[in-house]
Amino acid sequence: MEIEHREQWKQFKAEVKGKLTREQYKLLCHLHSVYYKHKYTEPCSCNPKRLVQWINEIDKIYDKN
């Protein structure tokens, strides 16, 4: 994971306590598209299971570095 992304993710994890802000949501979507090599998409926030899954997947990459 790039240093800039690591710092953004560290801040993201420190700040997220419940609902995501628009900025946090966009960061999550961006980082997931970069590290899981797919087109940038914004999944519906009405089903948070996908977002929680994406957070867990990015955590795995973050923890490896």
PDB file of N, CA and C in Angstrom:
ATOM      1  N   MET A   1       0.858  -1.183   0.000  1.00  0.00           N
ATOM      2  CA  MET A   1       0.000   0.000   0.000  1.00  0.00           C
ATOM      3  C   MET A   1       0.892   1.231   0.000  1.00  0.00           C
ATOM      4  N   GLU A   2       0.567   2.185  -0.851  1.00  0.00           N
ATOM      5  CA  GLU A   2       1.348   3.412  -0.931  1.00  0.00           C
ATOM      6  C   GLU A   2       1.269   4.190   0.386  1.00  0.00           C
ATOM      7  N   ILE A   3       2.322   4.938   0.671  1.00  0.00           N
ATOM      8  CA  ILE A   3       2.408   5.674   1.935  1.00  0.00           C
ATOM      9  C   ILE A   3       1.230   6.639   2.099  1.00  0.00           C
ATOM     10  N   GLU A   4       0.893   7.369   1.043  1.00  0.00           N
ATOM     11  CA  GLU A   4      -0.222   8.322   1.123  1.00  0.00           C
ATOM     12  C   GLU A   4      -1.525   7.595   1.457  1.00  0.00           C
ATOM     13  N   HIS A   5      -1.734   6.451   0.826  1.00  0.00           N
ATOM     14  CA  HIS A   5      -2.946   5.677   1.087  1.00  0.00           C
ATOM     15  C   HIS A   5      -2.948   5.110   2.502  1.00  0.00           C
ATOM     16  N   ARG A   6      -1.784   4.700   2.980  1.00  0.00           N
ATOM     17  CA  ARG A   6      -1.689   4.187   4.354  1.00  0.00           C
ATOM     18  C   ARG A   6      -2.105   5.264   5.351  1.00  0.00           C
ATOM     19  N   GLU A   7      -1.634   6.483   5.127  1.00  0.00           N
ATOM     20  CA  GLU A   7      -1.974   7.591   6.021  1.00  0.00           C
ATOM     21  C   GLU A   7      -3.467   7.909   5.953  1.00  0.00           C
ATOM     22  N   GLN A   8      -4.012   7.902   4.751  1.00  0.00           N
ATOM     23  CA  GLN A   8      -5.447   8.167   4.600  1.00  0.00           C
ATOM     24  C   GLN A   8      -6.260   7.082   5.293  1.00  0.00           C
ATOM     25  N   TRP A   9      -5.824   5.828   5.146  1.00  0.00           N
ATOM     26  CA  TRP A   9      -6.569   4.723   5.752  1.00  0.00           C
ATOM     27  C   TRP A   9      -6.463   4.772   7.275  1.00  0.00           C
ATOM     28  N   LYS A  10      -5.287   5.112   7.769  1.00  0.00           N
ATOM     29  CA  LYS A  10      -5.096   5.224   9.217  1.00  0.00           C
ATOM     30  C   LYS A  10      -6.045   6.276   9.787  1.00  0.00           C
ATOM     31  N   GLN A  11      -6.145   7.415   9.122  1.00  0.00           N
ATOM     32  CA  GLN A  11      -7.057   8.477   9.561  1.00  0.00           C
ATOM     33  C   GLN A  11      -8.505   8.012   9.432  1.00  0.00           C
ATOM     34  N   PHE A  12      -8.831   7.345   8.340  1.00  0.00           N
ATOM     35  CA  PHE A  12     -10.171   6.815   8.125  1.00  0.00           C
ATOM     36  C   PHE A  12     -10.577   5.921   9.286  1.00  0.00           C
ATOM     37  N   LYS A  13      -9.713   4.983   9.652  1.00  0.00           N
ATOM     38  CA  LYS A  13     -10.017   4.040  10.728  1.00  0.00           C
ATOM     39  C   LYS A  13     -10.157   4.743  12.075  1.00  0.00           C
ATOM     40  N   ALA A  14      -9.378   5.794  12.292  1.00  0.00           N
ATOM     41  CA  ALA A  14      -9.443   6.524  13.550  1.00  0.00           C
ATOM     42  C   ALA A  14     -10.735   7.334  13.670  1.00  0.00           C
ATOM     43  N   GLU A  15     -11.259   7.799  12.541  1.00  0.00           N
ATOM     44  CA  GLU A  15     -12.414   8.689  12.569  1.00  0.00           C
ATOM     45  C   GLU A  15     -13.757   7.982  12.439  1.00  0.00           C
ATOM     46  N   VAL A  16     -13.786   6.840  11.773  1.00  0.00           N
ATOM     47  CA  VAL A  16     -15.067   6.172  11.513  1.00  0.00           C
ATOM     48  C   VAL A  16     -15.562   5.480  12.772  1.00  0.00           C
ATOM     49  N   LYS A  17     -16.730   5.896  13.204  1.00  0.00           N
ATOM     50  CA  LYS A  17     -17.331   5.302  14.399  1.00  0.00           C
ATOM     51  C   LYS A  17     -18.722   4.754  14.103  1.00  0.00           C
ATOM     52  N   GLY A  18     -19.296   5.149  13.003  1.00  0.00           N
ATOM     53  CA  GLY A  18     -20.649   4.712  12.648  1.00  0.00           C
ATOM     54  C   GLY A  18     -20.874   4.973  11.177  1.00  0.00           C
ATOM     55  N   LYS A  19     -21.750   5.938  10.904  1.00  0.00           N
ATOM     56  CA  LYS A  19     -22.030   6.309   9.522  1.00  0.00           C
ATOM     57  C   LYS A  19     -20.821   6.985   8.886  1.00  0.00           C
ATOM     58  N   LEU A  20     -20.609   6.681   7.613  1.00  0.00           N
ATOM     59  CA  LEU A  20     -19.517   7.309   6.878  1.00  0.00           C
ATOM     60  C   LEU A  20     -19.938   8.686   6.380  1.00  0.00           C
ATOM     61  N   THR A  21     -19.000   9.620   6.412  1.00  0.00           N
ATOM     62  CA  THR A  21     -19.239  10.901   5.761  1.00  0.00           C
ATOM     63  C   THR A  21     -19.083  10.676   4.257  1.00  0.00           C
ATOM     64  N   ARG A  22     -19.497  11.627   3.473  1.00  0.00           N
ATOM     65  CA  ARG A  22     -19.363  11.513   2.009  1.00  0.00           C
ATOM     66  C   ARG A  22     -17.892  11.354   1.625  1.00  0.00           C
ATOM     67  N   GLU A  23     -17.020  12.109   2.270  1.00  0.00           N
ATOM     68  CA  GLU A  23     -15.582  12.043   1.988  1.00  0.00           C
ATOM     69  C   GLU A  23     -15.029  10.651   2.330  1.00  0.00           C
ATOM     70  N   GLN A  24     -15.408  10.101   3.461  1.00  0.00           N
ATOM     71  CA  GLN A  24     -14.949   8.764   3.863  1.00  0.00           C
ATOM     72  C   GLN A  24     -15.469   7.705   2.888  1.00  0.00           C
ATOM     73  N   TYR A  25     -16.710   7.853   2.475  1.00  0.00           N
ATOM     74  CA  TYR A  25     -17.315   6.920   1.528  1.00  0.00           C
ATOM     75  C   TYR A  25     -16.545   6.919   0.207  1.00  0.00           C
ATOM     76  N   LYS A  26     -16.229   8.097  -0.306  1.00  0.00           N
ATOM     77  CA  LYS A  26     -15.497   8.209  -1.561  1.00  0.00           C
ATOM     78  C   LYS A  26     -14.082   7.642  -1.422  1.00  0.00           C
ATOM     79  N   LEU A  27     -13.429   7.875  -0.289  1.00  0.00           N
ATOM     80  CA  LEU A  27     -12.098   7.312  -0.066  1.00  0.00           C
ATOM     81  C   LEU A  27     -12.162   5.795  -0.069  1.00  0.00           C
ATOM     82  N   LEU A  28     -13.127   5.234   0.605  1.00  0.00           N
ATOM     83  CA  LEU A  28     -13.297   3.785   0.639  1.00  0.00           C
ATOM     84  C   LEU A  28     -13.477   3.232  -0.773  1.00  0.00           C
ATOM     85  N   CYS A  29     -14.336   3.849  -1.549  1.00  0.00           N
ATOM     86  CA  CYS A  29     -14.589   3.394  -2.922  1.00  0.00           C
ATOM     87  C   CYS A  29     -13.331   3.514  -3.777  1.00  0.00           C
ATOM     88  N   HIS A  30     -12.622   4.610  -3.616  1.00  0.00           N
ATOM     89  CA  HIS A  30     -11.393   4.824  -4.389  1.00  0.00           C
ATOM     90  C   HIS A  30     -10.331   3.781  -4.041  1.00  0.00           C
ATOM     91  N   LEU A  31     -10.046   3.623  -2.767  1.00  0.00           N
ATOM     92  CA  LEU A  31      -8.995   2.680  -2.368  1.00  0.00           C
ATOM     93  C   LEU A  31      -9.346   1.247  -2.763  1.00  0.00           C
ATOM     94  N   HIS A  32     -10.600   0.888  -2.621  1.00  0.00           N
ATOM     95  CA  HIS A  32     -10.988  -0.474  -3.001  1.00  0.00           C
ATOM     96  C   HIS A  32     -10.794  -0.679  -4.496  1.00  0.00           C
ATOM     97  N   SER A  33     -11.136   0.299  -5.302  1.00  0.00           N
ATOM     98  CA  SER A  33     -10.962   0.156  -6.754  1.00  0.00           C
ATOM     99  C   SER A  33      -9.485   0.060  -7.125  1.00  0.00           C
ATOM    100  N   VAL A  34      -8.625   0.786  -6.430  1.00  0.00           N
ATOM    101  CA  VAL A  34      -7.196   0.746  -6.714  1.00  0.00           C
ATOM    102  C   VAL A  34      -6.605  -0.610  -6.336  1.00  0.00           C
ATOM    103  N   TYR A  35      -6.868  -1.065  -5.129  1.00  0.00           N
ATOM    104  CA  TYR A  35      -6.197  -2.270  -4.633  1.00  0.00           C
ATOM    105  C   TYR A  35      -6.881  -3.575  -5.029  1.00  0.00           C
ATOM    106  N   TYR A  36      -8.117  -3.492  -5.454  1.00  0.00           N
ATOM    107  CA  TYR A  36      -8.795  -4.702  -5.932  1.00  0.00           C
ATOM    108  C   TYR A  36      -9.062  -4.627  -7.429  1.00  0.00           C
ATOM    109  N   LYS A  37      -8.388  -3.663  -8.066  1.00  0.00           N
ATOM    110  CA  LYS A  37      -8.315  -3.547  -9.518  1.00  0.00           C
ATOM    111  C   LYS A  37      -9.667  -3.689 -10.218  1.00  0.00           C
ATOM    112  N   HIS A  38     -10.567  -2.809  -9.860  1.00  0.00           N
ATOM    113  CA  HIS A  38     -11.847  -2.751 -10.556  1.00  0.00           C
ATOM    114  C   HIS A  38     -12.213  -1.290 -10.802  1.00  0.00           C
ATOM    115  N   LYS A  39     -13.156  -1.104 -11.704  1.00  0.00           N
ATOM    116  CA  LYS A  39     -13.632   0.239 -12.012  1.00  0.00           C
ATOM    117  C   LYS A  39     -14.211   0.876 -10.746  1.00  0.00           C
ATOM    118  N   TYR A  40     -13.966   2.179 -10.581  1.00  0.00           N
ATOM    119  CA  TYR A  40     -14.505   2.911  -9.434  1.00  0.00           C
ATOM    120  C   TYR A  40     -16.022   2.800  -9.441  1.00  0.00           C
ATOM    121  N   THR A  41     -16.571   2.307  -8.355  1.00  0.00           N
ATOM    122  CA  THR A  41     -18.016   2.232  -8.199  1.00  0.00           C
ATOM    123  C   THR A  41     -18.387   2.691  -6.798  1.00  0.00           C
ATOM    124  N   GLU A  42     -19.606   3.164  -6.659  1.00  0.00           N
ATOM    125  CA  GLU A  42     -20.128   3.565  -5.356  1.00  0.00           C
ATOM    126  C   GLU A  42     -21.329   2.681  -5.050  1.00  0.00           C
ATOM    127  N   PRO A  43     -21.112   1.620  -4.276  1.00  0.00           N
ATOM    128  CA  PRO A  43     -22.235   0.746  -3.950  1.00  0.00           C
ATOM    129  C   PRO A  43     -23.285   1.489  -3.125  1.00  0.00           C
ATOM    130  N   CYS A  44     -24.496   1.030  -3.234  1.00  0.00           N
ATOM    131  CA  CYS A  44     -25.596   1.647  -2.498  1.00  0.00           C
ATOM    132  C   CYS A  44     -25.313   1.596  -0.992  1.00  0.00           C
ATOM    133  N   SER A  45     -25.447   2.731  -0.367  1.00  0.00           N
ATOM    134  CA  SER A  45     -25.206   2.784   1.078  1.00  0.00           C
ATOM    135  C   SER A  45     -26.392   2.250   1.868  1.00  0.00           C
ATOM    136  N   CYS A  46     -27.448   1.877   1.165  1.00  0.00           N
ATOM    137  CA  CYS A  46     -28.621   1.319   1.848  1.00  0.00           C
ATOM    138  C   CYS A  46     -28.342  -0.097   2.362  1.00  0.00           C
ATOM    139  N   ASN A  47     -27.310  -0.737   1.810  1.00  0.00           N
ATOM    140  CA  ASN A  47     -26.913  -2.061   2.269  1.00  0.00           C
ATOM    141  C   ASN A  47     -25.460  -1.990   2.744  1.00  0.00           C
ATOM    142  N   PRO A  48     -25.241  -1.718   4.005  1.00  0.00           N
ATOM    143  CA  PRO A  48     -23.875  -1.509   4.496  1.00  0.00           C
ATOM    144  C   PRO A  48     -22.998  -2.760   4.499  1.00  0.00           C
ATOM    145  N   LYS A  49     -23.580  -3.938   4.254  1.00  0.00           N
ATOM    146  CA  LYS A  49     -22.768  -5.163   4.251  1.00  0.00           C
ATOM    147  C   LYS A  49     -21.619  -5.066   3.246  1.00  0.00           C
ATOM    148  N   ARG A  50     -21.887  -4.526   2.065  1.00  0.00           N
ATOM    149  CA  ARG A  50     -20.838  -4.399   1.039  1.00  0.00           C
ATOM    150  C   ARG A  50     -19.751  -3.454   1.514  1.00  0.00           C
ATOM    151  N   LEU A  51     -20.142  -2.342   2.133  1.00  0.00           N
ATOM    152  CA  LEU A  51     -19.162  -1.368   2.612  1.00  0.00           C
ATOM    153  C   LEU A  51     -18.318  -1.954   3.733  1.00  0.00           C
ATOM    154  N   VAL A  52     -18.942  -2.682   4.637  1.00  0.00           N
ATOM    155  CA  VAL A  52     -18.201  -3.332   5.729  1.00  0.00           C
ATOM    156  C   VAL A  52     -17.223  -4.352   5.145  1.00  0.00           C
ATOM    157  N   GLN A  53     -17.662  -5.088   4.142  1.00  0.00           N
ATOM    158  CA  GLN A  53     -16.790  -6.061   3.475  1.00  0.00           C
ATOM    159  C   GLN A  53     -15.590  -5.350   2.859  1.00  0.00           C
ATOM    160  N   TRP A  54     -15.824  -4.237   2.174  1.00  0.00           N
ATOM    161  CA  TRP A  54     -14.738  -3.487   1.560  1.00  0.00           C
ATOM    162  C   TRP A  54     -13.768  -2.962   2.613  1.00  0.00           C
ATOM    163  N   ILE A  55     -14.281  -2.488   3.731  1.00  0.00           N
ATOM    164  CA  ILE A  55     -13.409  -2.010   4.812  1.00  0.00           C
ATOM    165  C   ILE A  55     -12.529  -3.147   5.299  1.00  0.00           C
ATOM    166  N   ASN A  56     -13.099  -4.316   5.508  1.00  0.00           N
ATOM    167  CA  ASN A  56     -12.330  -5.473   5.963  1.00  0.00           C
ATOM    168  C   ASN A  56     -11.277  -5.886   4.946  1.00  0.00           C
ATOM    169  N   GLU A  57     -11.611  -5.817   3.667  1.00  0.00           N
ATOM    170  CA  GLU A  57     -10.650  -6.180   2.625  1.00  0.00           C
ATOM    171  C   GLU A  57      -9.491  -5.195   2.568  1.00  0.00           C
ATOM    172  N   ILE A  58      -9.772  -3.907   2.704  1.00  0.00           N
ATOM    173  CA  ILE A  58      -8.690  -2.914   2.708  1.00  0.00           C
ATOM    174  C   ILE A  58      -7.860  -3.065   3.977  1.00  0.00           C
ATOM    175  N   ASP A  59      -8.487  -3.401   5.087  1.00  0.00           N
ATOM    176  CA  ASP A  59      -7.735  -3.656   6.328  1.00  0.00           C
ATOM    177  C   ASP A  59      -6.699  -4.762   6.117  1.00  0.00           C
ATOM    178  N   LYS A  60      -7.053  -5.797   5.376  1.00  0.00           N
ATOM    179  CA  LYS A  60      -6.115  -6.898   5.127  1.00  0.00           C
ATOM    180  C   LYS A  60      -4.872  -6.400   4.394  1.00  0.00           C
ATOM    181  N   ILE A  61      -5.078  -5.548   3.415  1.00  0.00           N
ATOM    182  CA  ILE A  61      -3.939  -4.986   2.688  1.00  0.00           C
ATOM    183  C   ILE A  61      -3.138  -4.059   3.586  1.00  0.00           C
ATOM    184  N   TYR A  62      -3.813  -3.234   4.351  1.00  0.00           N
ATOM    185  CA  TYR A  62      -3.154  -2.302   5.256  1.00  0.00           C
ATOM    186  C   TYR A  62      -2.310  -3.067   6.273  1.00  0.00           C
ATOM    187  N   ASP A  63      -2.843  -4.139   6.818  1.00  0.00           N
ATOM    188  CA  ASP A  63      -2.147  -4.912   7.847  1.00  0.00           C
ATOM    189  C   ASP A  63      -0.936  -5.666   7.300  1.00  0.00           C
ATOM    190  N   LYS A  64      -0.915  -5.965   6.015  1.00  0.00           N
ATOM    191  CA  LYS A  64       0.212  -6.679   5.408  1.00  0.00           C
ATOM    192  C   LYS A  64       1.458  -5.816   5.332  1.00  0.00           C
ATOM    193  N   ASN A  65       1.282  -4.507   5.229  1.00  0.00           N
ATOM    194  CA  ASN A  65       2.433  -3.617   5.022  1.00  0.00           C
ATOM    195  C   ASN A  65       3.058  -3.208   6.306  1.00  0.00           C
TER     196      ASN A  65
END
